[in-house]
mmCIF file of all heavy atoms, coordinates in Angstrom:
data_MODEL
# 
_entry.id   MODEL 
# 
loop_
_atom_site.group_PDB 
_atom_site.id 
_atom_site.type_symbol 
_atom_site.label_atom_id 
_atom_site.label_alt_id 
_atom_site.label_comp_id 
_atom_site.label_asym_id 
_atom_site.label_entity_id 
_atom_site.label_seq_id 
_atom_site.pdbx_PDB_ins_code 
_atom_site.Cartn_x 
_atom_site.Cartn_y 
_atom_site.Cartn_z 
_atom_site.occupancy 
_atom_site.B_iso_or_equiv 
_atom_site.pdbx_formal_charge 
_atom_site.auth_seq_id 
_atom_site.auth_comp_id 
_atom_site.auth_asym_id 
_atom_site.auth_atom_id 
_atom_site.pdbx_PDB_model_num 
ATOM 1   N N   . LEU A 1 1  ? 5.306   -7.251  6.506   1.00 0.00 ? 1  LEU A N   1 
ATOM 2   C CA  . LEU A 1 1  ? 5.924   -6.597  5.355   1.00 0.00 ? 1  LEU A CA  1 
ATOM 3   C C   . LEU A 1 1  ? 5.539   -5.115  5.299   1.00 0.00 ? 1  LEU A C   1 
ATOM 4   O O   . LEU A 1 1  ? 6.397   -4.253  5.063   1.00 0.00 ? 1  LEU A O   1 
ATOM 5   C CB  . LEU A 1 1  ? 5.526   -7.304  4.064   1.00 0.00 ? 1  LEU A CB  1 
ATOM 6   C CG  . LEU A 1 1  ? 6.083   -8.716  3.893   1.00 0.00 ? 1  LEU A CG  1 
ATOM 7   C CD1 . LEU A 1 1  ? 5.336   -9.469  2.798   1.00 0.00 ? 1  LEU A CD1 1 
ATOM 8   C CD2 . LEU A 1 1  ? 7.579   -8.672  3.591   1.00 0.00 ? 1  LEU A CD2 1 
ATOM 9   N N   . MET A 1 2  ? 4.271   -4.808  5.522   1.00 0.00 ? 2  MET A N   1 
ATOM 10  C CA  . MET A 1 2  ? 3.822   -3.412  5.498   1.00 0.00 ? 2  MET A CA  1 
ATOM 11  C C   . MET A 1 2  ? 4.523   -2.604  6.579   1.00 0.00 ? 2  MET A C   1 
ATOM 12  O O   . MET A 1 2  ? 4.992   -1.486  6.309   1.00 0.00 ? 2  MET A O   1 
ATOM 13  C CB  . MET A 1 2  ? 2.303   -3.336  5.692   1.00 0.00 ? 2  MET A CB  1 
ATOM 14  C CG  . MET A 1 2  ? 1.496   -3.743  4.487   1.00 0.00 ? 2  MET A CG  1 
ATOM 15  S SD  . MET A 1 2  ? 1.677   -2.651  3.066   1.00 0.00 ? 2  MET A SD  1 
ATOM 16  C CE  . MET A 1 2  ? 0.975   -1.139  3.703   1.00 0.00 ? 2  MET A CE  1 
ATOM 17  N N   . ASP A 1 3  ? 4.607   -3.138  7.778   1.00 0.00 ? 3  ASP A N   1 
ATOM 18  C CA  . ASP A 1 3  ? 5.265   -2.411  8.872   1.00 0.00 ? 3  ASP A CA  1 
ATOM 19  C C   . ASP A 1 3  ? 6.704   -2.072  8.506   1.00 0.00 ? 3  ASP A C   1 
ATOM 20  O O   . ASP A 1 3  ? 7.158   -0.939  8.707   1.00 0.00 ? 3  ASP A O   1 
ATOM 21  C CB  . ASP A 1 3  ? 5.237   -3.229  10.166  1.00 0.00 ? 3  ASP A CB  1 
ATOM 22  C CG  . ASP A 1 3  ? 3.843   -3.371  10.765  1.00 0.00 ? 3  ASP A CG  1 
ATOM 23  O OD1 . ASP A 1 3  ? 2.928   -2.601  10.392  1.00 0.00 ? 3  ASP A OD1 1 
ATOM 24  O OD2 . ASP A 1 3  ? 3.669   -4.280  11.598  1.00 0.00 ? 3  ASP A OD2 1 
ATOM 25  N N   . LYS A 1 4  ? 7.426   -3.033  7.966   1.00 0.00 ? 4  LYS A N   1 
ATOM 26  C CA  . LYS A 1 4  ? 8.831   -2.813  7.612   1.00 0.00 ? 4  LYS A CA  1 
ATOM 27  C C   . LYS A 1 4  ? 8.951   -1.800  6.479   1.00 0.00 ? 4  LYS A C   1 
ATOM 28  O O   . LYS A 1 4  ? 9.762   -0.873  6.545   1.00 0.00 ? 4  LYS A O   1 
ATOM 29  C CB  . LYS A 1 4  ? 9.493   -4.142  7.227   1.00 0.00 ? 4  LYS A CB  1 
ATOM 30  C CG  . LYS A 1 4  ? 10.934  -4.003  6.795   1.00 0.00 ? 4  LYS A CG  1 
ATOM 31  C CD  . LYS A 1 4  ? 11.822  -3.523  7.919   1.00 0.00 ? 4  LYS A CD  1 
ATOM 32  C CE  . LYS A 1 4  ? 13.289  -3.567  7.510   1.00 0.00 ? 4  LYS A CE  1 
ATOM 33  N NZ  . LYS A 1 4  ? 14.137  -2.879  8.476   1.00 0.00 ? 4  LYS A NZ  1 
ATOM 34  N N   . ALA A 1 5  ? 8.160   -1.956  5.432   1.00 0.00 ? 5  ALA A N   1 
ATOM 35  C CA  . ALA A 1 5  ? 8.247   -1.031  4.298   1.00 0.00 ? 5  ALA A CA  1 
ATOM 36  C C   . ALA A 1 5  ? 7.916   0.393   4.730   1.00 0.00 ? 5  ALA A C   1 
ATOM 37  O O   . ALA A 1 5  ? 8.634   1.335   4.371   1.00 0.00 ? 5  ALA A O   1 
ATOM 38  C CB  . ALA A 1 5  ? 7.319   -1.480  3.172   1.00 0.00 ? 5  ALA A CB  1 
ATOM 39  N N   . LEU A 1 6  ? 6.857   0.564   5.498   1.00 0.00 ? 6  LEU A N   1 
ATOM 40  C CA  . LEU A 1 6  ? 6.477   1.912   5.923   1.00 0.00 ? 6  LEU A CA  1 
ATOM 41  C C   . LEU A 1 6  ? 7.551   2.538   6.807   1.00 0.00 ? 6  LEU A C   1 
ATOM 42  O O   . LEU A 1 6  ? 7.769   3.747   6.764   1.00 0.00 ? 6  LEU A O   1 
ATOM 43  C CB  . LEU A 1 6  ? 5.114   1.896   6.618   1.00 0.00 ? 6  LEU A CB  1 
ATOM 44  C CG  . LEU A 1 6  ? 3.932   1.559   5.705   1.00 0.00 ? 6  LEU A CG  1 
ATOM 45  C CD1 . LEU A 1 6  ? 2.641   1.446   6.507   1.00 0.00 ? 6  LEU A CD1 1 
ATOM 46  C CD2 . LEU A 1 6  ? 3.790   2.583   4.578   1.00 0.00 ? 6  LEU A CD2 1 
ATOM 47  N N   . SER A 1 7  ? 8.269   1.713   7.570   1.00 0.00 ? 7  SER A N   1 
ATOM 48  C CA  . SER A 1 7  ? 9.357   2.246   8.395   1.00 0.00 ? 7  SER A CA  1 
ATOM 49  C C   . SER A 1 7  ? 10.560  2.653   7.545   1.00 0.00 ? 7  SER A C   1 
ATOM 50  O O   . SER A 1 7  ? 11.381  3.458   7.977   1.00 0.00 ? 7  SER A O   1 
ATOM 51  C CB  . SER A 1 7  ? 9.780   1.227   9.462   1.00 0.00 ? 7  SER A CB  1 
ATOM 52  O OG  . SER A 1 7  ? 10.571  0.197   8.900   1.00 0.00 ? 7  SER A OG  1 
ATOM 53  N N   . GLU A 1 8  ? 10.669  2.117   6.348   1.00 0.00 ? 8  GLU A N   1 
ATOM 54  C CA  . GLU A 1 8  ? 11.779  2.428   5.451   1.00 0.00 ? 8  GLU A CA  1 
ATOM 55  C C   . GLU A 1 8  ? 11.491  3.628   4.547   1.00 0.00 ? 8  GLU A C   1 
ATOM 56  O O   . GLU A 1 8  ? 12.409  4.206   3.980   1.00 0.00 ? 8  GLU A O   1 
ATOM 57  C CB  . GLU A 1 8  ? 12.101  1.210   4.567   1.00 0.00 ? 8  GLU A CB  1 
ATOM 58  C CG  . GLU A 1 8  ? 12.701  0.048   5.317   1.00 0.00 ? 8  GLU A CG  1 
ATOM 59  C CD  . GLU A 1 8  ? 14.123  0.320   5.789   1.00 0.00 ? 8  GLU A CD  1 
ATOM 60  O OE1 . GLU A 1 8  ? 14.883  0.994   5.069   1.00 0.00 ? 8  GLU A OE1 1 
ATOM 61  O OE2 . GLU A 1 8  ? 14.469  -0.142  6.892   1.00 0.00 ? 8  GLU A OE2 1 
ATOM 62  N N   . LEU A 1 9  ? 10.226  3.968   4.400   1.00 0.00 ? 9  LEU A N   1 
ATOM 63  C CA  . LEU A 1 9  ? 9.847   5.080   3.520   1.00 0.00 ? 9  LEU A CA  1 
ATOM 64  C C   . LEU A 1 9  ? 9.804   6.386   4.311   1.00 0.00 ? 9  LEU A C   1 
ATOM 65  O O   . LEU A 1 9  ? 9.555   6.392   5.519   1.00 0.00 ? 9  LEU A O   1 
ATOM 66  C CB  . LEU A 1 9  ? 8.494   4.790   2.866   1.00 0.00 ? 9  LEU A CB  1 
ATOM 67  C CG  . LEU A 1 9  ? 8.490   3.597   1.907   1.00 0.00 ? 9  LEU A CG  1 
ATOM 68  C CD1 . LEU A 1 9  ? 7.070   3.247   1.489   1.00 0.00 ? 9  LEU A CD1 1 
ATOM 69  C CD2 . LEU A 1 9  ? 9.356   3.885   0.694   1.00 0.00 ? 9  LEU A CD2 1 
ATOM 70  N N   . ASP A 1 10 ? 10.038  7.494   3.613   1.00 0.00 ? 10 ASP A N   1 
ATOM 71  C CA  . ASP A 1 10 ? 10.066  8.823   4.218   1.00 0.00 ? 10 ASP A CA  1 
ATOM 72  C C   . ASP A 1 10 ? 8.732   9.119   4.909   1.00 0.00 ? 10 ASP A C   1 
ATOM 73  O O   . ASP A 1 10 ? 7.690   9.144   4.252   1.00 0.00 ? 10 ASP A O   1 
ATOM 74  C CB  . ASP A 1 10 ? 10.339  9.857   3.117   1.00 0.00 ? 10 ASP A CB  1 
ATOM 75  C CG  . ASP A 1 10 ? 10.482  11.277  3.627   1.00 0.00 ? 10 ASP A CG  1 
ATOM 76  O OD1 . ASP A 1 10 ? 10.072  11.572  4.771   1.00 0.00 ? 10 ASP A OD1 1 
ATOM 77  O OD2 . ASP A 1 10 ? 11.001  12.102  2.862   1.00 0.00 ? 10 ASP A OD2 1 
ATOM 78  N N   . PRO A 1 11 ? 8.754   9.353   6.227   1.00 0.00 ? 11 PRO A N   1 
ATOM 79  C CA  . PRO A 1 11 ? 7.510   9.584   6.960   1.00 0.00 ? 11 PRO A CA  1 
ATOM 80  C C   . PRO A 1 11 ? 6.832   10.904  6.601   1.00 0.00 ? 11 PRO A C   1 
ATOM 81  O O   . PRO A 1 11 ? 5.681   11.129  6.983   1.00 0.00 ? 11 PRO A O   1 
ATOM 82  C CB  . PRO A 1 11 ? 7.939   9.569   8.430   1.00 0.00 ? 11 PRO A CB  1 
ATOM 83  C CG  . PRO A 1 11 ? 9.386   9.917   8.409   1.00 0.00 ? 11 PRO A CG  1 
ATOM 84  C CD  . PRO A 1 11 ? 9.925   9.381   7.111   1.00 0.00 ? 11 PRO A CD  1 
ATOM 85  N N   . GLU A 1 12 ? 7.518   11.760  5.863   1.00 0.00 ? 12 GLU A N   1 
ATOM 86  C CA  . GLU A 1 12 ? 6.952   13.045  5.453   1.00 0.00 ? 12 GLU A CA  1 
ATOM 87  C C   . GLU A 1 12 ? 6.260   12.980  4.093   1.00 0.00 ? 12 GLU A C   1 
ATOM 88  O O   . GLU A 1 12 ? 5.651   13.958  3.662   1.00 0.00 ? 12 GLU A O   1 
ATOM 89  C CB  . GLU A 1 12 ? 8.052   14.113  5.408   1.00 0.00 ? 12 GLU A CB  1 
ATOM 90  C CG  . GLU A 1 12 ? 8.732   14.343  6.749   1.00 0.00 ? 12 GLU A CG  1 
ATOM 91  C CD  . GLU A 1 12 ? 7.766   14.836  7.817   1.00 0.00 ? 12 GLU A CD  1 
ATOM 92  O OE1 . GLU A 1 12 ? 6.961   15.748  7.518   1.00 0.00 ? 12 GLU A OE1 1 
ATOM 93  O OE2 . GLU A 1 12 ? 7.798   14.289  8.936   1.00 0.00 ? 12 GLU A OE2 1 
ATOM 94  N N   . ARG A 1 13 ? 6.387   11.838  3.412   1.00 0.00 ? 13 ARG A N   1 
ATOM 95  C CA  . ARG A 1 13 ? 5.806   11.708  2.076   1.00 0.00 ? 13 ARG A CA  1 
ATOM 96  C C   . ARG A 1 13 ? 4.646   10.728  2.074   1.00 0.00 ? 13 ARG A C   1 
ATOM 97  O O   . ARG A 1 13 ? 4.678   9.708   2.756   1.00 0.00 ? 13 ARG A O   1 
ATOM 98  C CB  . ARG A 1 13 ? 6.863   11.215  1.089   1.00 0.00 ? 13 ARG A CB  1 
ATOM 99  C CG  . ARG A 1 13 ? 7.966   12.235  0.836   1.00 0.00 ? 13 ARG A CG  1 
ATOM 100 C CD  . ARG A 1 13 ? 8.991   11.701  -0.135  1.00 0.00 ? 13 ARG A CD  1 
ATOM 101 N NE  . ARG A 1 13 ? 8.408   11.460  -1.455  1.00 0.00 ? 13 ARG A NE  1 
ATOM 102 C CZ  . ARG A 1 13 ? 8.998   10.711  -2.378  1.00 0.00 ? 13 ARG A CZ  1 
ATOM 103 N NH1 . ARG A 1 13 ? 10.153  10.113  -2.142  1.00 0.00 ? 13 ARG A NH1 1 
ATOM 104 N NH2 . ARG A 1 13 ? 8.422   10.535  -3.547  1.00 0.00 ? 13 ARG A NH2 1 
ATOM 105 N N   . ASP A 1 14 ? 3.629   11.045  1.266   1.00 0.00 ? 14 ASP A N   1 
ATOM 106 C CA  . ASP A 1 14 ? 2.529   10.117  1.053   1.00 0.00 ? 14 ASP A CA  1 
ATOM 107 C C   . ASP A 1 14 ? 3.072   8.842   0.411   1.00 0.00 ? 14 ASP A C   1 
ATOM 108 O O   . ASP A 1 14 ? 4.068   8.877   -0.311  1.00 0.00 ? 14 ASP A O   1 
ATOM 109 C CB  . ASP A 1 14 ? 1.463   10.719  0.142   1.00 0.00 ? 14 ASP A CB  1 
ATOM 110 C CG  . ASP A 1 14 ? 0.725   11.889  0.780   1.00 0.00 ? 14 ASP A CG  1 
ATOM 111 O OD1 . ASP A 1 14 ? 0.890   12.112  1.996   1.00 0.00 ? 14 ASP A OD1 1 
ATOM 112 O OD2 . ASP A 1 14 ? -0.010  12.584  0.047   1.00 0.00 ? 14 ASP A OD2 1 
ATOM 113 N N   . VAL A 1 15 ? 2.404   7.735   0.670   1.00 0.00 ? 15 VAL A N   1 
ATOM 114 C CA  . VAL A 1 15 ? 2.777   6.442   0.090   1.00 0.00 ? 15 VAL A CA  1 
ATOM 115 C C   . VAL A 1 15 ? 1.630   5.983   -0.805  1.00 0.00 ? 15 VAL A C   1 
ATOM 116 O O   . VAL A 1 15 ? 0.463   6.076   -0.419  1.00 0.00 ? 15 VAL A O   1 
ATOM 117 C CB  . VAL A 1 15 ? 3.032   5.389   1.195   1.00 0.00 ? 15 VAL A CB  1 
ATOM 118 C CG1 . VAL A 1 15 ? 3.405   4.044   0.584   1.00 0.00 ? 15 VAL A CG1 1 
ATOM 119 C CG2 . VAL A 1 15 ? 4.103   5.867   2.162   1.00 0.00 ? 15 VAL A CG2 1 
ATOM 120 N N   . THR A 1 16 ? 1.965   5.478   -1.989  1.00 0.00 ? 16 THR A N   1 
ATOM 121 C CA  . THR A 1 16 ? 0.933   4.982   -2.896  1.00 0.00 ? 16 THR A CA  1 
ATOM 122 C C   . THR A 1 16 ? 1.133   3.499   -3.184  1.00 0.00 ? 16 THR A C   1 
ATOM 123 O O   . THR A 1 16 ? 2.226   2.953   -3.023  1.00 0.00 ? 16 THR A O   1 
ATOM 124 C CB  . THR A 1 16 ? 0.923   5.750   -4.236  1.00 0.00 ? 16 THR A CB  1 
ATOM 125 O OG1 . THR A 1 16 ? 2.178   5.583   -4.877  1.00 0.00 ? 16 THR A OG1 1 
ATOM 126 C CG2 . THR A 1 16 ? 0.618   7.221   -4.029  1.00 0.00 ? 16 THR A CG2 1 
ATOM 127 N N   . VAL A 1 17 ? 0.061   2.878   -3.592  1.00 0.00 ? 17 VAL A N   1 
ATOM 128 C CA  . VAL A 1 17 ? 0.081   1.492   -4.034  1.00 0.00 ? 17 VAL A CA  1 
ATOM 129 C C   . VAL A 1 17 ? -1.050  1.335   -5.051  1.00 0.00 ? 17 VAL A C   1 
ATOM 130 O O   . VAL A 1 17 ? -2.100  1.953   -4.909  1.00 0.00 ? 17 VAL A O   1 
ATOM 131 C CB  . VAL A 1 17 ? -0.082  0.499   -2.855  1.00 0.00 ? 17 VAL A CB  1 
ATOM 132 C CG1 . VAL A 1 17 ? -1.416  0.659   -2.157  1.00 0.00 ? 17 VAL A CG1 1 
ATOM 133 C CG2 . VAL A 1 17 ? 0.118   -0.938  -3.315  1.00 0.00 ? 17 VAL A CG2 1 
ATOM 134 N N   . SER A 1 18 ? -0.812  0.538   -6.068  1.00 0.00 ? 18 SER A N   1 
ATOM 135 C CA  . SER A 1 18 ? -1.842  0.237   -7.044  1.00 0.00 ? 18 SER A CA  1 
ATOM 136 C C   . SER A 1 18 ? -2.344  -1.171  -6.761  1.00 0.00 ? 18 SER A C   1 
ATOM 137 O O   . SER A 1 18 ? -1.552  -2.101  -6.628  1.00 0.00 ? 18 SER A O   1 
ATOM 138 C CB  . SER A 1 18 ? -1.262  0.329   -8.462  1.00 0.00 ? 18 SER A CB  1 
ATOM 139 O OG  . SER A 1 18 ? -2.269  0.052   -9.409  1.00 0.00 ? 18 SER A OG  1 
ATOM 140 N N   . THR A 1 19 ? -3.659  -1.303  -6.642  1.00 0.00 ? 19 THR A N   1 
ATOM 141 C CA  . THR A 1 19 ? -4.243  -2.609  -6.350  1.00 0.00 ? 19 THR A CA  1 
ATOM 142 C C   . THR A 1 19 ? -5.510  -2.789  -7.181  1.00 0.00 ? 19 THR A C   1 
ATOM 143 O O   . THR A 1 19 ? -5.855  -1.949  -8.012  1.00 0.00 ? 19 THR A O   1 
ATOM 144 C CB  . THR A 1 19 ? -4.497  -2.768  -4.833  1.00 0.00 ? 19 THR A CB  1 
ATOM 145 O OG1 . THR A 1 19 ? -4.797  -4.137  -4.558  1.00 0.00 ? 19 THR A OG1 1 
ATOM 146 C CG2 . THR A 1 19 ? -5.617  -1.873  -4.336  1.00 0.00 ? 19 THR A CG2 1 
ATOM 147 N N   . PHE A 1 20 ? -6.187  -3.867  -6.956  1.00 0.00 ? 20 PHE A N   1 
ATOM 148 C CA  . PHE A 1 20 ? -7.379  -4.189  -7.723  1.00 0.00 ? 20 PHE A CA  1 
ATOM 149 C C   . PHE A 1 20 ? -8.544  -3.285  -7.335  1.00 0.00 ? 20 PHE A C   1 
ATOM 150 O O   . PHE A 1 20 ? -8.611  -2.787  -6.214  1.00 0.00 ? 20 PHE A O   1 
ATOM 151 C CB  . PHE A 1 20 ? -7.745  -5.657  -7.513  1.00 0.00 ? 20 PHE A CB  1 
ATOM 152 C CG  . PHE A 1 20 ? -6.618  -6.590  -7.861  1.00 0.00 ? 20 PHE A CG  1 
ATOM 153 C CD1 . PHE A 1 20 ? -5.846  -7.174  -6.884  1.00 0.00 ? 20 PHE A CD1 1 
ATOM 154 C CD2 . PHE A 1 20 ? -6.315  -6.849  -9.193  1.00 0.00 ? 20 PHE A CD2 1 
ATOM 155 C CE1 . PHE A 1 20 ? -4.792  -8.018  -7.210  1.00 0.00 ? 20 PHE A CE1 1 
ATOM 156 C CE2 . PHE A 1 20 ? -5.265  -7.694  -9.532  1.00 0.00 ? 20 PHE A CE2 1 
ATOM 157 C CZ  . PHE A 1 20 ? -4.507  -8.274  -8.537  1.00 0.00 ? 20 PHE A CZ  1 
ATOM 158 N N   . ARG A 1 21 ? -9.457  -3.135  -8.252  1.00 0.00 ? 21 ARG A N   1 
ATOM 159 C CA  . ARG A 1 21 ? -10.625 -2.278  -8.007  1.00 0.00 ? 21 ARG A CA  1 
ATOM 160 C C   . ARG A 1 21 ? -11.646 -2.976  -7.115  1.00 0.00 ? 21 ARG A C   1 
ATOM 161 O O   . ARG A 1 21 ? -11.670 -4.205  -6.999  1.00 0.00 ? 21 ARG A O   1 
ATOM 162 C CB  . ARG A 1 21 ? -11.285 -1.900  -9.331  1.00 0.00 ? 21 ARG A CB  1 
ATOM 163 C CG  . ARG A 1 21 ? -10.405 -1.006  -10.175 1.00 0.00 ? 21 ARG A CG  1 
ATOM 164 C CD  . ARG A 1 21 ? -11.110 -0.553  -11.419 1.00 0.00 ? 21 ARG A CD  1 
ATOM 165 N NE  . ARG A 1 21 ? -10.189 0.201   -12.263 1.00 0.00 ? 21 ARG A NE  1 
ATOM 166 C CZ  . ARG A 1 21 ? -10.535 0.707   -13.433 1.00 0.00 ? 21 ARG A CZ  1 
ATOM 167 N NH1 . ARG A 1 21 ? -11.778 0.548   -13.889 1.00 0.00 ? 21 ARG A NH1 1 
ATOM 168 N NH2 . ARG A 1 21 ? -9.654  1.377   -14.152 1.00 0.00 ? 21 ARG A NH2 1 
ATOM 169 N N   . GLU A 1 22 ? -12.487 -2.152  -6.517  1.00 0.00 ? 22 GLU A N   1 
ATOM 170 C CA  . GLU A 1 22 ? -13.572 -2.679  -5.687  1.00 0.00 ? 22 GLU A CA  1 
ATOM 171 C C   . GLU A 1 22 ? -14.436 -3.601  -6.539  1.00 0.00 ? 22 GLU A C   1 
ATOM 172 O O   . GLU A 1 22 ? -14.705 -3.327  -7.710  1.00 0.00 ? 22 GLU A O   1 
ATOM 173 C CB  . GLU A 1 22 ? -14.427 -1.520  -5.142  1.00 0.00 ? 22 GLU A CB  1 
ATOM 174 C CG  . GLU A 1 22 ? -15.448 -1.970  -4.144  1.00 0.00 ? 22 GLU A CG  1 
ATOM 175 C CD  . GLU A 1 22 ? -16.136 -0.806  -3.449  1.00 0.00 ? 22 GLU A CD  1 
ATOM 176 O OE1 . GLU A 1 22 ? -15.886 0.351   -3.807  1.00 0.00 ? 22 GLU A OE1 1 
ATOM 177 O OE2 . GLU A 1 22 ? -16.918 -1.086  -2.540  1.00 0.00 ? 22 GLU A OE2 1 
ATOM 178 N N   . GLY A 1 23 ? -14.840 -4.731  -5.944  1.00 0.00 ? 23 GLY A N   1 
ATOM 179 C CA  . GLY A 1 23 ? -15.657 -5.693  -6.666  1.00 0.00 ? 23 GLY A CA  1 
ATOM 180 C C   . GLY A 1 23 ? -14.849 -6.783  -7.360  1.00 0.00 ? 23 GLY A C   1 
ATOM 181 O O   . GLY A 1 23 ? -15.412 -7.797  -7.757  1.00 0.00 ? 23 GLY A O   1 
ATOM 182 N N   . ASP A 1 24 ? -13.553 -6.585  -7.502  1.00 0.00 ? 24 ASP A N   1 
ATOM 183 C CA  . ASP A 1 24 ? -12.680 -7.612  -8.093  1.00 0.00 ? 24 ASP A CA  1 
ATOM 184 C C   . ASP A 1 24 ? -12.282 -8.556  -6.961  1.00 0.00 ? 24 ASP A C   1 
ATOM 185 O O   . ASP A 1 24 ? -11.677 -8.130  -5.972  1.00 0.00 ? 24 ASP A O   1 
ATOM 186 C CB  . ASP A 1 24 ? -11.439 -6.945  -8.698  1.00 0.00 ? 24 ASP A CB  1 
ATOM 187 C CG  . ASP A 1 24 ? -10.539 -7.910  -9.454  1.00 0.00 ? 24 ASP A CG  1 
ATOM 188 O OD1 . ASP A 1 24 ? -10.497 -9.109  -9.088  1.00 0.00 ? 24 ASP A OD1 1 
ATOM 189 O OD2 . ASP A 1 24 ? -9.856  -7.465  -10.388 1.00 0.00 ? 24 ASP A OD2 1 
ATOM 190 N N   . GLU A 1 25 ? -12.610 -9.837  -7.087  1.00 0.00 ? 25 GLU A N   1 
ATOM 191 C CA  . GLU A 1 25 ? -12.335 -10.778 -5.992  1.00 0.00 ? 25 GLU A CA  1 
ATOM 192 C C   . GLU A 1 25 ? -10.843 -10.861 -5.652  1.00 0.00 ? 25 GLU A C   1 
ATOM 193 O O   . GLU A 1 25 ? -10.484 -11.149 -4.514  1.00 0.00 ? 25 GLU A O   1 
ATOM 194 C CB  . GLU A 1 25 ? -12.889 -12.168 -6.300  1.00 0.00 ? 25 GLU A CB  1 
ATOM 195 C CG  . GLU A 1 25 ? -12.195 -12.880 -7.425  1.00 0.00 ? 25 GLU A CG  1 
ATOM 196 C CD  . GLU A 1 25 ? -12.765 -14.260 -7.695  1.00 0.00 ? 25 GLU A CD  1 
ATOM 197 O OE1 . GLU A 1 25 ? -13.967 -14.473 -7.448  1.00 0.00 ? 25 GLU A OE1 1 
ATOM 198 O OE2 . GLU A 1 25 ? -12.006 -15.119 -8.152  1.00 0.00 ? 25 GLU A OE2 1 
ATOM 199 N N   . LYS A 1 26 ? -9.968  -10.581 -6.622  1.00 0.00 ? 26 LYS A N   1 
ATOM 200 C CA  . LYS A 1 26 ? -8.536  -10.577 -6.342  1.00 0.00 ? 26 LYS A CA  1 
ATOM 201 C C   . LYS A 1 26 ? -8.157  -9.452  -5.382  1.00 0.00 ? 26 LYS A C   1 
ATOM 202 O O   . LYS A 1 26 ? -7.111  -9.503  -4.747  1.00 0.00 ? 26 LYS A O   1 
ATOM 203 C CB  . LYS A 1 26 ? -7.723  -10.399 -7.630  1.00 0.00 ? 26 LYS A CB  1 
ATOM 204 C CG  . LYS A 1 26 ? -7.790  -11.550 -8.585  1.00 0.00 ? 26 LYS A CG  1 
ATOM 205 C CD  . LYS A 1 26 ? -6.930  -11.247 -9.808  1.00 0.00 ? 26 LYS A CD  1 
ATOM 206 C CE  . LYS A 1 26 ? -6.997  -12.360 -10.824 1.00 0.00 ? 26 LYS A CE  1 
ATOM 207 N NZ  . LYS A 1 26 ? -6.106  -12.111 -11.945 1.00 0.00 ? 26 LYS A NZ  1 
ATOM 208 N N   . GLY A 1 27 ? -9.005  -8.444  -5.304  1.00 0.00 ? 27 GLY A N   1 
ATOM 209 C CA  . GLY A 1 27 ? -8.669  -7.265  -4.518  1.00 0.00 ? 27 GLY A CA  1 
ATOM 210 C C   . GLY A 1 27 ? -9.218  -7.232  -3.107  1.00 0.00 ? 27 GLY A C   1 
ATOM 211 O O   . GLY A 1 27 ? -8.885  -6.327  -2.336  1.00 0.00 ? 27 GLY A O   1 
ATOM 212 N N   . THR A 1 28 ? -10.029 -8.199  -2.741  1.00 0.00 ? 28 THR A N   1 
ATOM 213 C CA  . THR A 1 28 ? -10.667 -8.152  -1.424  1.00 0.00 ? 28 THR A CA  1 
ATOM 214 C C   . THR A 1 28 ? -9.645  -8.072  -0.297  1.00 0.00 ? 28 THR A C   1 
ATOM 215 O O   . THR A 1 28 ? -9.688  -7.158  0.532   1.00 0.00 ? 28 THR A O   1 
ATOM 216 C CB  . THR A 1 28 ? -11.591 -9.372  -1.227  1.00 0.00 ? 28 THR A CB  1 
ATOM 217 O OG1 . THR A 1 28 ? -12.544 -9.396  -2.300  1.00 0.00 ? 28 THR A OG1 1 
ATOM 218 C CG2 . THR A 1 28 ? -12.323 -9.298  0.096   1.00 0.00 ? 28 THR A CG2 1 
# 
């Protein structure tokens, strides 16, 4: 999924994602 999404996004722009904080077991 990551490979496909990154290939679809503009290679000249930074990509962001919001995820869980360090120490949160959901985020490991």
